[in-house]
Amino acid sequence: MNILPGTGGAARDYSLEVRSVTDTIDCHSPMCYEYNIPGEVTWWLIPAFSNNVAETCAVRPGCAYMVRLIAHPWDGHTSANLHVELDECVVGVCSCAHSPRLPAPVVSAETVTIQGEMFANVSWTLPLPSYPQRLPSAKLGKQSYIVSLGKQMVSDAHPSPWFANTITRHVDTDGFVSEGDTIRWLLLPVGDRSVERSDERSGERKKRMKSTAPKVKLLARVNLVDDRGCVGPAGNATAFDPDAPSTSNFSFGTYAILGALLGAWLMGAVFVLSARVVKRVLKSFRPAPVSAPLEPLSRRPAWFPLQLRT
């Protein structure tokens, strides 16, 4: 915003308002307001600080704005007003009107413990866009993913539970949005660190960091950022829920032992059944015993007299 010196007396300070007048979803944003601008300056930046949060003040390409400058002390009605329409792309920054149509990543998350410290293993894939013809170009590229983890601040009983971001990471990527993406993953630290007891066995008093499980629900969120810098809709997944019932109390070692015992039992059963089957097959091929040709059908003791009918 450039300010030309006024014809009257010098202003003590200025206030500046910027309101969006374009009635589209991508152009809707809260009013930008700056005050206590020194009276001797002739230019000002608005917004003064950039922010990636969609619900904050922003000036976006492809949108129209009403700019109002007020000099103080103010008489209550005098102000300088200017209607500004921005092009689709300004100095390499282009409109993000298509951002709601970017594909949302399909996210899954779970907690793992590594050397006593808890992490959230966040994995995701990028599906193909539902309406690729409504993207700015078939060659629209992928720039990065925004992977964040948030703690629940408002309970599920509220119509809109709110999660506050605790950690955010950017994962670089490449390729075209229209191609989707294969599975990716990232480990994010979860537990709150605290000081554990010192090691007394070695005689040294060393402080150890202990990771404790959080007491609230954790939400993993992944957004796609295209090569225009536009952020797409988020894919969400619950990474940790303290109220969820535990699915199993067995460790990996227990499962390994049970698997080994089950395998040994199956091998023994197969061996016994195989022996019986082989024995039956051999018995079926064995010829039946027959009597010798001169051997009587039945034997009598020599001392038993032969009785003949008369």
C-alpha atoms as a PDB file:
ATOM      1  CA  MET A   1       0.000   0.000   0.000  1.00  0.00           C
ATOM      2  CA  ASN A   2       1.551   3.311  -1.142  1.00  0.00           C
ATOM      3  CA  ILE A   3       0.467   6.489   0.645  1.00  0.00           C
ATOM      4  CA  LEU A   4       0.886   9.934  -0.912  1.00  0.00           C
ATOM      5  CA  PRO A   5       1.280  12.890   1.472  1.00  0.00           C
ATOM      6  CA  GLY A   6      -1.982  14.760   2.065  1.00  0.00           C
ATOM      7  CA  THR A   7      -2.641  18.391   1.225  1.00  0.00           C
ATOM      8  CA  GLY A   8      -3.746  19.255   4.745  1.00  0.00           C
ATOM      9  CA  GLY A   9      -1.936  18.859   8.035  1.00  0.00           C
ATOM     10  CA  ALA A  10       0.268  15.890   8.749  1.00  0.00           C
ATOM     11  CA  ALA A  11      -1.464  12.771  10.090  1.00  0.00           C
ATOM     12  CA  ARG A  12      -0.569  11.507  13.529  1.00  0.00           C
ATOM     13  CA  ASP A  13      -1.021   7.872  12.415  1.00  0.00           C
ATOM     14  CA  TYR A  14      -3.060   5.748  10.007  1.00  0.00           C
ATOM     15  CA  SER A  15      -5.348   2.728  10.163  1.00  0.00           C
ATOM     16  CA  LEU A  16      -5.789   0.424   7.191  1.00  0.00           C
ATOM     17  CA  GLU A  17      -8.660  -1.961   6.338  1.00  0.00           C
ATOM     18  CA  VAL A  18      -8.723  -4.539   3.530  1.00  0.00           C
ATOM     19  CA  ARG A  19     -12.004  -6.393   2.871  1.00  0.00           C
ATOM     20  CA  SER A  20     -12.618  -9.096   0.287  1.00  0.00           C
ATOM     21  CA  VAL A  21     -15.485  -8.272  -2.103  1.00  0.00           C
ATOM     22  CA  THR A  22     -15.303 -11.469  -4.206  1.00  0.00           C
ATOM     23  CA  ASP A  23     -18.032 -13.907  -3.186  1.00  0.00           C
ATOM     24  CA  THR A  24     -16.173 -17.184  -3.677  1.00  0.00           C
ATOM     25  CA  ILE A  25     -14.927 -19.742  -1.176  1.00  0.00           C
ATOM     26  CA  ASP A  26     -11.258 -19.231  -1.966  1.00  0.00           C
ATOM     27  CA  CYS A  27     -11.543 -15.430  -1.609  1.00  0.00           C
ATOM     28  CA  HIS A  28     -13.424 -15.422   1.692  1.00  0.00           C
ATOM     29  CA  SER A  29     -11.174 -14.288   4.534  1.00  0.00           C
ATOM     30  CA  PRO A  30     -11.451 -12.130   7.665  1.00  0.00           C
ATOM     31  CA  MET A  31     -10.872  -8.415   7.269  1.00  0.00           C
ATOM     32  CA  CYS A  32      -7.222  -7.362   7.358  1.00  0.00           C
ATOM     33  CA  TYR A  33      -6.777  -4.484   9.800  1.00  0.00           C
ATOM     34  CA  GLU A  34      -3.636  -2.565  10.707  1.00  0.00           C
ATOM     35  CA  TYR A  35      -3.530   0.410  13.065  1.00  0.00           C
ATOM     36  CA  ASN A  36      -0.979   2.736  14.656  1.00  0.00           C
ATOM     37  CA  ILE A  37       0.783   3.065  11.315  1.00  0.00           C
ATOM     38  CA  PRO A  38       3.224   5.989  11.775  1.00  0.00           C
ATOM     39  CA  GLY A  39       2.043   9.188  10.085  1.00  0.00           C
ATOM     40  CA  GLU A  40       5.346   9.851   8.306  1.00  0.00           C
ATOM     41  CA  VAL A  41       5.442   6.545   6.336  1.00  0.00           C
ATOM     42  CA  THR A  42       4.394   6.408   2.675  1.00  0.00           C
ATOM     43  CA  TRP A  43       3.934   2.633   2.266  1.00  0.00           C
ATOM     44  CA  TRP A  44       2.803  -0.402   4.261  1.00  0.00           C
ATOM     45  CA  LEU A  45       2.560  -4.174   3.850  1.00  0.00           C
ATOM     46  CA  ILE A  46      -0.679  -5.995   4.569  1.00  0.00           C
ATOM     47  CA  PRO A  47      -0.904  -8.556   5.981  1.00  0.00           C
ATOM     48  CA  ALA A  48       2.194  -7.666   7.943  1.00  0.00           C
ATOM     49  CA  PHE A  49       3.023 -11.353   8.540  1.00  0.00           C
ATOM     50  CA  SER A  50       2.272 -14.380   6.365  1.00  0.00           C
ATOM     51  CA  ASN A  51       0.269 -17.244   7.832  1.00  0.00           C
ATOM     52  CA  ASN A  52      -0.652 -20.638   6.360  1.00  0.00           C
ATOM     53  CA  VAL A  53      -3.831 -20.919   8.424  1.00  0.00           C
ATOM     54  CA  ALA A  54      -6.852 -20.539   6.129  1.00  0.00           C
ATOM     55  CA  GLU A  55      -9.000 -18.723   8.708  1.00  0.00           C
ATOM     56  CA  THR A  56      -6.679 -15.721   9.046  1.00  0.00           C
ATOM     57  CA  CYS A  57      -6.331 -12.485   7.101  1.00  0.00           C
ATOM     58  CA  ALA A  58      -4.948 -13.044   3.596  1.00  0.00           C
ATOM     59  CA  VAL A  59      -4.705 -11.319   0.218  1.00  0.00           C
ATOM     60  CA  ARG A  60      -5.036 -13.866  -2.589  1.00  0.00           C
ATOM     61  CA  PRO A  61      -4.544 -13.649  -6.379  1.00  0.00           C
ATOM     62  CA  GLY A  62      -7.698 -13.710  -8.474  1.00  0.00           C
ATOM     63  CA  CYS A  63      -9.720 -11.857  -5.821  1.00  0.00           C
ATOM     64  CA  ALA A  64     -10.976  -8.268  -5.498  1.00  0.00           C
ATOM     65  CA  TYR A  65     -10.562  -6.129  -2.373  1.00  0.00           C
ATOM     66  CA  MET A  66     -11.791  -2.826  -1.000  1.00  0.00           C
ATOM     67  CA  VAL A  67      -8.942  -0.922   0.660  1.00  0.00           C
ATOM     68  CA  ARG A  68      -9.801   1.840   3.140  1.00  0.00           C
ATOM     69  CA  LEU A  69      -7.188   4.188   4.622  1.00  0.00           C
ATOM     70  CA  ILE A  70      -8.085   6.454   7.555  1.00  0.00           C
ATOM     71  CA  ALA A  71      -5.850   9.266   8.848  1.00  0.00           C
ATOM     72  CA  HIS A  72      -5.941  10.066  12.550  1.00  0.00           C
ATOM     73  CA  PRO A  73      -7.191  12.141  14.222  1.00  0.00           C
ATOM     74  CA  TRP A  74     -10.314  11.156  12.269  1.00  0.00           C
ATOM     75  CA  ASP A  75     -13.303  13.392  11.654  1.00  0.00           C
ATOM     76  CA  GLY A  76     -15.634  10.371  11.442  1.00  0.00           C
ATOM     77  CA  HIS A  77     -16.335  10.337   7.680  1.00  0.00           C
ATOM     78  CA  THR A  78     -13.216  11.155   5.651  1.00  0.00           C
ATOM     79  CA  SER A  79     -11.237   8.204   4.272  1.00  0.00           C
ATOM     80  CA  ALA A  80      -9.395   7.139   1.126  1.00  0.00           C
ATOM     81  CA  ASN A  81     -11.035   4.140  -0.596  1.00  0.00           C
ATOM     82  CA  LEU A  82      -9.593   2.031  -3.392  1.00  0.00           C
ATOM     83  CA  HIS A  83     -11.020  -0.991  -5.255  1.00  0.00           C
ATOM     84  CA  VAL A  84      -8.244  -3.460  -6.194  1.00  0.00           C
ATOM     85  CA  GLU A  85      -8.610  -6.502  -8.473  1.00  0.00           C
ATOM     86  CA  LEU A  86      -5.689  -8.923  -8.486  1.00  0.00           C
ATOM     87  CA  ASP A  87      -4.718 -11.025 -11.496  1.00  0.00           C
ATOM     88  CA  GLU A  88      -4.797 -14.840 -11.485  1.00  0.00           C
ATOM     89  CA  CYS A  89      -1.030 -14.899 -10.957  1.00  0.00           C
ATOM     90  CA  VAL A  90       0.938 -12.062  -9.331  1.00  0.00           C
ATOM     91  CA  VAL A  91       4.762 -12.172  -9.211  1.00  0.00           C
ATOM     92  CA  GLY A  92       4.780 -15.956  -9.447  1.00  0.00           C
ATOM     93  CA  VAL A  93       2.022 -16.395  -6.836  1.00  0.00           C
ATOM     94  CA  CYS A  94      -1.149 -17.817  -8.388  1.00  0.00           C
ATOM     95  CA  SER A  95      -4.745 -18.219  -7.287  1.00  0.00           C
ATOM     96  CA  CYS A  96      -5.709 -21.183  -5.106  1.00  0.00           C
ATOM     97  CA  ALA A  97      -9.347 -21.320  -6.162  1.00  0.00           C
ATOM     98  CA  HIS A  98      -8.810 -24.975  -7.095  1.00  0.00           C
ATOM     99  CA  SER A  99      -7.430 -25.986  -3.670  1.00  0.00           C
ATOM    100  CA  PRO A 100     -10.732 -27.521  -2.403  1.00  0.00           C
ATOM    101  CA  ARG A 101     -10.597 -29.877  -5.411  1.00  0.00           C
ATOM    102  CA  LEU A 102      -7.110 -31.163  -4.615  1.00  0.00           C
ATOM    103  CA  PRO A 103      -7.224 -34.788  -3.413  1.00  0.00           C
ATOM    104  CA  ALA A 104      -7.196 -35.341   0.347  1.00  0.00           C
ATOM    105  CA  PRO A 105      -4.598 -37.905   1.501  1.00  0.00           C
ATOM    106  CA  VAL A 106      -5.872 -41.188   2.952  1.00  0.00           C
ATOM    107  CA  VAL A 107      -4.240 -41.309   6.387  1.00  0.00           C
ATOM    108  CA  SER A 108      -3.652 -44.034   8.963  1.00  0.00           C
ATOM    109  CA  ALA A 109      -1.762 -43.624  12.218  1.00  0.00           C
ATOM    110  CA  GLU A 110      -0.714 -45.647  15.218  1.00  0.00           C
ATOM    111  CA  THR A 111       1.613 -45.213  18.166  1.00  0.00           C
ATOM    112  CA  VAL A 112       4.840 -47.189  18.560  1.00  0.00           C
ATOM    113  CA  THR A 113       7.438 -47.255  21.329  1.00  0.00           C
ATOM    114  CA  ILE A 114      11.126 -47.123  20.398  1.00  0.00           C
ATOM    115  CA  GLN A 115      13.700 -47.322  23.218  1.00  0.00           C
ATOM    116  CA  GLY A 116      11.165 -46.137  25.754  1.00  0.00           C
ATOM    117  CA  GLU A 117       9.989 -43.151  23.704  1.00  0.00           C
ATOM    118  CA  MET A 118       6.550 -42.964  22.090  1.00  0.00           C
ATOM    119  CA  PHE A 119       6.126 -42.002  18.444  1.00  0.00           C
ATOM    120  CA  ALA A 120       3.187 -41.671  16.070  1.00  0.00           C
ATOM    121  CA  ASN A 121       3.740 -43.635  12.877  1.00  0.00           C
ATOM    122  CA  VAL A 122       1.747 -41.633  10.307  1.00  0.00           C
ATOM    123  CA  SER A 123       1.332 -43.219   6.870  1.00  0.00           C
ATOM    124  CA  TRP A 124      -0.662 -41.952   3.927  1.00  0.00           C
ATOM    125  CA  THR A 125      -1.395 -42.379   0.234  1.00  0.00           C
ATOM    126  CA  LEU A 126      -2.663 -39.804  -2.256  1.00  0.00           C
ATOM    127  CA  PRO A 127      -5.669 -40.931  -4.330  1.00  0.00           C
ATOM    128  CA  LEU A 128      -6.336 -39.727  -7.843  1.00  0.00           C
ATOM    129  CA  PRO A 129      -8.288 -36.434  -8.016  1.00  0.00           C
ATOM    130  CA  SER A 130     -12.040 -36.868  -8.448  1.00  0.00           C
ATOM    131  CA  TYR A 131     -12.262 -34.101 -11.062  1.00  0.00           C
ATOM    132  CA  PRO A 132      -8.856 -33.730 -12.751  1.00  0.00           C
ATOM    133  CA  GLN A 133     -10.399 -31.612 -15.508  1.00  0.00           C
ATOM    134  CA  ARG A 134     -11.246 -28.940 -12.917  1.00  0.00           C
ATOM    135  CA  LEU A 135      -7.618 -28.474 -11.884  1.00  0.00           C
ATOM    136  CA  PRO A 136      -5.681 -25.558 -13.421  1.00  0.00           C
ATOM    137  CA  SER A 137      -3.589 -27.934 -15.537  1.00  0.00           C
ATOM    138  CA  ALA A 138      -3.021 -31.641 -16.114  1.00  0.00           C
ATOM    139  CA  LYS A 139       0.637 -30.910 -15.339  1.00  0.00           C
ATOM    140  CA  LEU A 140      -0.094 -29.407 -11.909  1.00  0.00           C
ATOM    141  CA  GLY A 141       2.748 -30.708  -9.760  1.00  0.00           C
ATOM    142  CA  LYS A 142       3.079 -31.852  -6.162  1.00  0.00           C
ATOM    143  CA  GLN A 143       5.451 -29.843  -3.978  1.00  0.00           C
ATOM    144  CA  SER A 144       5.215 -31.275  -0.461  1.00  0.00           C
ATOM    145  CA  TYR A 145       3.014 -32.679   2.292  1.00  0.00           C
ATOM    146  CA  ILE A 146       2.245 -30.953   5.585  1.00  0.00           C
ATOM    147  CA  VAL A 147       2.165 -33.623   8.317  1.00  0.00           C
ATOM    148  CA  SER A 148       0.973 -32.447  11.720  1.00  0.00           C
ATOM    149  CA  LEU A 149      -0.070 -33.895  15.049  1.00  0.00           C
ATOM    150  CA  GLY A 150      -2.628 -32.204  17.293  1.00  0.00           C
ATOM    151  CA  LYS A 151      -3.878 -32.641  20.856  1.00  0.00           C
ATOM    152  CA  GLN A 152      -7.591 -32.600  21.510  1.00  0.00           C
ATOM    153  CA  MET A 153      -8.566 -29.460  23.425  1.00  0.00           C
ATOM    154  CA  VAL A 154     -12.378 -29.852  23.258  1.00  0.00           C
ATOM    155  CA  SER A 155     -14.077 -33.176  24.031  1.00  0.00           C
ATOM    156  CA  ASP A 156     -15.983 -35.311  21.524  1.00  0.00           C
ATOM    157  CA  ALA A 157     -19.228 -34.215  23.186  1.00  0.00           C
ATOM    158  CA  HIS A 158     -18.795 -30.841  21.503  1.00  0.00           C
ATOM    159  CA  PRO A 159     -20.227 -30.593  17.941  1.00  0.00           C
ATOM    160  CA  SER A 160     -16.818 -29.461  16.649  1.00  0.00           C
ATOM    161  CA  PRO A 161     -13.945 -30.949  18.671  1.00  0.00           C
ATOM    162  CA  TRP A 162     -10.862 -28.776  18.351  1.00  0.00           C
ATOM    163  CA  PHE A 163      -7.277 -30.023  18.086  1.00  0.00           C
ATOM    164  CA  ALA A 164      -4.289 -27.768  18.708  1.00  0.00           C
ATOM    165  CA  ASN A 165      -1.212 -28.460  16.591  1.00  0.00           C
ATOM    166  CA  THR A 166       1.765 -29.645  18.630  1.00  0.00           C
ATOM    167  CA  ILE A 167       4.226 -30.553  15.870  1.00  0.00           C
ATOM    168  CA  THR A 168       4.388 -30.002  12.099  1.00  0.00           C
ATOM    169  CA  ARG A 169       6.718 -31.433   9.486  1.00  0.00           C
ATOM    170  CA  HIS A 170       7.081 -30.822   5.731  1.00  0.00           C
ATOM    171  CA  VAL A 171       7.801 -33.819   3.491  1.00  0.00           C
ATOM    172  CA  ASP A 172       9.035 -32.992  -0.010  1.00  0.00           C
ATOM    173  CA  THR A 173       7.555 -34.822  -2.997  1.00  0.00           C
ATOM    174  CA  ASP A 174       7.417 -34.577  -6.774  1.00  0.00           C
ATOM    175  CA  GLY A 175       5.339 -35.738  -9.727  1.00  0.00           C
ATOM    176  CA  PHE A 176       1.915 -34.608 -10.905  1.00  0.00           C
ATOM    177  CA  VAL A 177      -1.224 -34.315  -8.787  1.00  0.00           C
ATOM    178  CA  SER A 178      -3.171 -36.281 -11.417  1.00  0.00           C
ATOM    179  CA  GLU A 179      -0.931 -39.331 -10.804  1.00  0.00           C
ATOM    180  CA  GLY A 180      -1.650 -39.684  -7.082  1.00  0.00           C
ATOM    181  CA  ASP A 181       1.076 -41.088  -4.841  1.00  0.00           C
ATOM    182  CA  THR A 182       2.127 -44.374  -3.260  1.00  0.00           C
ATOM    183  CA  ILE A 183       2.329 -44.982   0.468  1.00  0.00           C
ATOM    184  CA  ARG A 184       4.570 -42.712   2.540  1.00  0.00           C
ATOM    185  CA  TRP A 185       5.204 -42.595   6.268  1.00  0.00           C
ATOM    186  CA  LEU A 186       6.737 -40.387   8.946  1.00  0.00           C
ATOM    187  CA  LEU A 187       7.509 -40.803  12.648  1.00  0.00           C
ATOM    188  CA  LEU A 188       6.467 -37.939  14.923  1.00  0.00           C
ATOM    189  CA  PRO A 189       7.344 -37.755  18.648  1.00  0.00           C
ATOM    190  CA  VAL A 190       4.283 -38.080  20.862  1.00  0.00           C
ATOM    191  CA  GLY A 191       5.037 -38.481  24.554  1.00  0.00           C
ATOM    192  CA  ASP A 192       5.716 -35.684  27.003  1.00  0.00           C
ATOM    193  CA  ARG A 193       9.283 -35.924  28.245  1.00  0.00           C
ATOM    194  CA  SER A 194      10.109 -35.865  31.932  1.00  0.00           C
ATOM    195  CA  VAL A 195      13.209 -36.577  34.045  1.00  0.00           C
ATOM    196  CA  GLU A 196      13.520 -40.171  35.245  1.00  0.00           C
ATOM    197  CA  ARG A 197      15.457 -41.377  38.318  1.00  0.00           C
ATOM    198  CA  SER A 198      19.254 -41.441  38.169  1.00  0.00           C
ATOM    199  CA  ASP A 199      21.280 -44.603  37.543  1.00  0.00           C
ATOM    200  CA  GLU A 200      22.457 -45.786  40.957  1.00  0.00           C
ATOM    201  CA  ARG A 201      23.882 -49.185  39.946  1.00  0.00           C
ATOM    202  CA  SER A 202      26.860 -47.670  38.135  1.00  0.00           C
ATOM    203  CA  GLY A 203      27.450 -45.132  40.864  1.00  0.00           C
ATOM    204  CA  GLU A 204      26.841 -42.277  38.487  1.00  0.00           C
ATOM    205  CA  ARG A 205      23.984 -39.864  38.894  1.00  0.00           C
ATOM    206  CA  LYS A 206      22.778 -39.423  35.340  1.00  0.00           C
ATOM    207  CA  LYS A 207      19.462 -37.908  34.479  1.00  0.00           C
ATOM    208  CA  ARG A 208      17.411 -39.869  31.956  1.00  0.00           C
ATOM    209  CA  MET A 209      14.540 -38.571  29.887  1.00  0.00           C
ATOM    210  CA  LYS A 210      11.345 -40.570  30.247  1.00  0.00           C
ATOM    211  CA  SER A 211       8.506 -40.368  27.716  1.00  0.00           C
ATOM    212  CA  THR A 212       4.995 -40.466  29.180  1.00  0.00           C
ATOM    213  CA  ALA A 213       1.859 -41.241  27.208  1.00  0.00           C
ATOM    214  CA  PRO A 214      -0.477 -38.274  26.596  1.00  0.00           C
ATOM    215  CA  LYS A 215      -3.783 -38.122  28.444  1.00  0.00           C
ATOM    216  CA  VAL A 216      -5.816 -36.749  25.523  1.00  0.00           C
ATOM    217  CA  LYS A 217      -6.654 -37.934  22.021  1.00  0.00           C
ATOM    218  CA  LEU A 218      -4.115 -37.210  19.268  1.00  0.00           C
ATOM    219  CA  LEU A 219      -5.096 -36.502  15.677  1.00  0.00           C
ATOM    220  CA  ALA A 220      -2.737 -36.959  12.728  1.00  0.00           C
ATOM    221  CA  ARG A 221      -3.371 -34.675   9.748  1.00  0.00           C
ATOM    222  CA  VAL A 222      -1.819 -34.630   6.262  1.00  0.00           C
ATOM    223  CA  ASN A 223      -2.313 -31.925   3.584  1.00  0.00           C
ATOM    224  CA  LEU A 224      -1.033 -31.818   0.018  1.00  0.00           C
ATOM    225  CA  VAL A 225       0.745 -28.669  -1.190  1.00  0.00           C
ATOM    226  CA  ASP A 226       0.915 -28.234  -4.979  1.00  0.00           C
ATOM    227  CA  ASP A 227       3.607 -26.406  -6.940  1.00  0.00           C
ATOM    228  CA  ARG A 228       1.570 -23.184  -6.711  1.00  0.00           C
ATOM    229  CA  GLY A 229       1.872 -23.312  -2.936  1.00  0.00           C
ATOM    230  CA  CYS A 230      -1.845 -24.085  -2.521  1.00  0.00           C
ATOM    231  CA  VAL A 231      -2.855 -26.313   0.404  1.00  0.00           C
ATOM    232  CA  GLY A 232      -5.473 -28.983  -0.261  1.00  0.00           C
ATOM    233  CA  PRO A 233      -8.038 -30.492   2.134  1.00  0.00           C
ATOM    234  CA  ALA A 234      -6.714 -32.491   5.062  1.00  0.00           C
ATOM    235  CA  GLY A 235      -6.822 -36.218   5.599  1.00  0.00           C
ATOM    236  CA  ASN A 236      -7.226 -37.155   9.278  1.00  0.00           C
ATOM    237  CA  ALA A 237      -6.704 -40.221  11.439  1.00  0.00           C
ATOM    238  CA  THR A 238      -6.695 -40.833  15.193  1.00  0.00           C
ATOM    239  CA  ALA A 239      -3.126 -41.573  16.247  1.00  0.00           C
ATOM    240  CA  PHE A 240      -3.765 -42.157  19.959  1.00  0.00           C
ATOM    241  CA  ASP A 241      -6.869 -42.510  22.116  1.00  0.00           C
ATOM    242  CA  PRO A 242      -6.384 -43.015  25.866  1.00  0.00           C
ATOM    243  CA  ASP A 243      -9.992 -44.211  26.242  1.00  0.00           C
ATOM    244  CA  ALA A 244      -9.758 -46.885  23.544  1.00  0.00           C
ATOM    245  CA  PRO A 245      -9.681 -50.470  24.885  1.00  0.00           C
ATOM    246  CA  SER A 246      -6.380 -52.242  24.498  1.00  0.00           C
ATOM    247  CA  THR A 247      -6.520 -54.796  21.692  1.00  0.00           C
ATOM    248  CA  SER A 248      -3.841 -57.023  23.176  1.00  0.00           C
ATOM    249  CA  ASN A 249      -1.572 -57.291  26.194  1.00  0.00           C
ATOM    250  CA  PHE A 250       0.947 -59.597  24.508  1.00  0.00           C
ATOM    251  CA  SER A 251       4.341 -58.415  23.393  1.00  0.00           C
ATOM    252  CA  PHE A 252       6.138 -59.398  20.221  1.00  0.00           C
ATOM    253  CA  GLY A 253       8.220 -61.971  22.127  1.00  0.00           C
ATOM    254  CA  THR A 254       5.087 -63.673  23.456  1.00  0.00           C
ATOM    255  CA  TYR A 255       3.653 -63.923  19.959  1.00  0.00           C
ATOM    256  CA  ALA A 256       6.958 -65.404  18.713  1.00  0.00           C
ATOM    257  CA  ILE A 257       6.950 -68.103  21.409  1.00  0.00           C
ATOM    258  CA  LEU A 258       3.305 -68.983  20.765  1.00  0.00           C
ATOM    259  CA  GLY A 259       3.993 -69.168  17.029  1.00  0.00           C
ATOM    260  CA  ALA A 260       6.964 -71.500  17.564  1.00  0.00           C
ATOM    261  CA  LEU A 261       4.921 -73.825  19.819  1.00  0.00           C
ATOM    262  CA  LEU A 262       2.050 -73.890  17.345  1.00  0.00           C
ATOM    263  CA  GLY A 263       4.435 -74.683  14.479  1.00  0.00           C
ATOM    264  CA  ALA A 264       6.028 -77.558  16.422  1.00  0.00           C
ATOM    265  CA  TRP A 265       2.594 -79.009  17.240  1.00  0.00           C
ATOM    266  CA  LEU A 266       1.535 -78.826  13.596  1.00  0.00           C
ATOM    267  CA  MET A 267       4.733 -80.545  12.441  1.00  0.00           C
ATOM    268  CA  GLY A 268       4.214 -83.361  14.958  1.00  0.00           C
ATOM    269  CA  ALA A 269       0.598 -83.826  13.886  1.00  0.00           C
ATOM    270  CA  VAL A 270       1.611 -83.965  10.228  1.00  0.00           C
ATOM    271  CA  PHE A 271       4.326 -86.564  11.014  1.00  0.00           C
ATOM    272  CA  VAL A 272       1.900 -88.843  12.890  1.00  0.00           C
ATOM    273  CA  LEU A 273      -0.775 -88.627  10.210  1.00  0.00           C
ATOM    274  CA  SER A 274       1.787 -89.259   7.470  1.00  0.00           C
ATOM    275  CA  ALA A 275       3.049 -92.429   9.201  1.00  0.00           C
ATOM    276  CA  ARG A 276      -0.478 -93.810   9.497  1.00  0.00           C
ATOM    277  CA  VAL A 277      -1.297 -93.068   5.879  1.00  0.00           C
ATOM    278  CA  VAL A 278       1.895 -94.766   4.630  1.00  0.00           C
ATOM    279  CA  LYS A 279       1.179 -97.819   6.781  1.00  0.00           C
ATOM    280  CA  ARG A 280      -2.332 -98.143   5.357  1.00  0.00           C
ATOM    281  CA  VAL A 281      -1.113 -97.808   1.786  1.00  0.00           C
ATOM    282  CA  LEU A 282       1.533-100.506   2.251  1.00  0.00           C
ATOM    283  CA  LYS A 283      -0.995-102.804   3.895  1.00  0.00           C
ATOM    284  CA  SER A 284      -3.418-102.392   0.986  1.00  0.00           C
ATOM    285  CA  PHE A 285      -0.738-103.568  -1.498  1.00  0.00           C
ATOM    286  CA  ARG A 286       0.256-106.632   0.597  1.00  0.00           C
ATOM    287  CA  PRO A 287      -1.306-109.934  -0.797  1.00  0.00           C
ATOM    288  CA  ALA A 288      -3.669-111.917   1.430  1.00  0.00           C
ATOM    289  CA  PRO A 289      -2.224-115.177   2.920  1.00  0.00           C
ATOM    290  CA  VAL A 290      -3.396-118.515   1.302  1.00  0.00           C
ATOM    291  CA  SER A 291      -3.273-122.172   2.542  1.00  0.00           C
ATOM    292  CA  ALA A 292      -0.661-124.650   1.231  1.00  0.00           C
ATOM    293  CA  PRO A 293      -2.037-127.197  -1.330  1.00  0.00           C
ATOM    294  CA  LEU A 294      -1.382-130.373   0.820  1.00  0.00           C
ATOM    295  CA  GLU A 295      -2.214-128.733   4.076  1.00  0.00           C
ATOM    296  CA  PRO A 296      -5.611-129.658   5.525  1.00  0.00           C
ATOM    297  CA  LEU A 297      -8.104-126.940   6.076  1.00  0.00           C
ATOM    298  CA  SER A 298      -8.182-127.659   9.771  1.00  0.00           C
ATOM    299  CA  ARG A 299      -5.744-129.471  12.000  1.00  0.00           C
ATOM    300  CA  ARG A 300      -6.723-132.046  14.667  1.00  0.00           C
ATOM    301  CA  PRO A 301      -4.549-133.169  17.473  1.00  0.00           C
ATOM    302  CA  ALA A 302      -2.894-136.542  16.854  1.00  0.00           C
ATOM    303  CA  TRP A 303      -4.384-137.992  19.992  1.00  0.00           C
ATOM    304  CA  PHE A 304      -7.954-137.144  18.937  1.00  0.00           C
ATOM    305  CA  PRO A 305      -9.463-140.306  17.363  1.00  0.00           C
ATOM    306  CA  LEU A 306     -11.142-140.044  14.021  1.00  0.00           C
ATOM    307  CA  GLN A 307     -14.763-141.024  14.278  1.00  0.00           C
ATOM    308  CA  LEU A 308     -16.410-142.390  11.165  1.00  0.00           C
ATOM    309  CA  ARG A 309     -20.055-142.952  10.635  1.00  0.00           C
ATOM    310  CA  THR A 310     -21.219-146.451  10.070  1.00  0.00           C
END
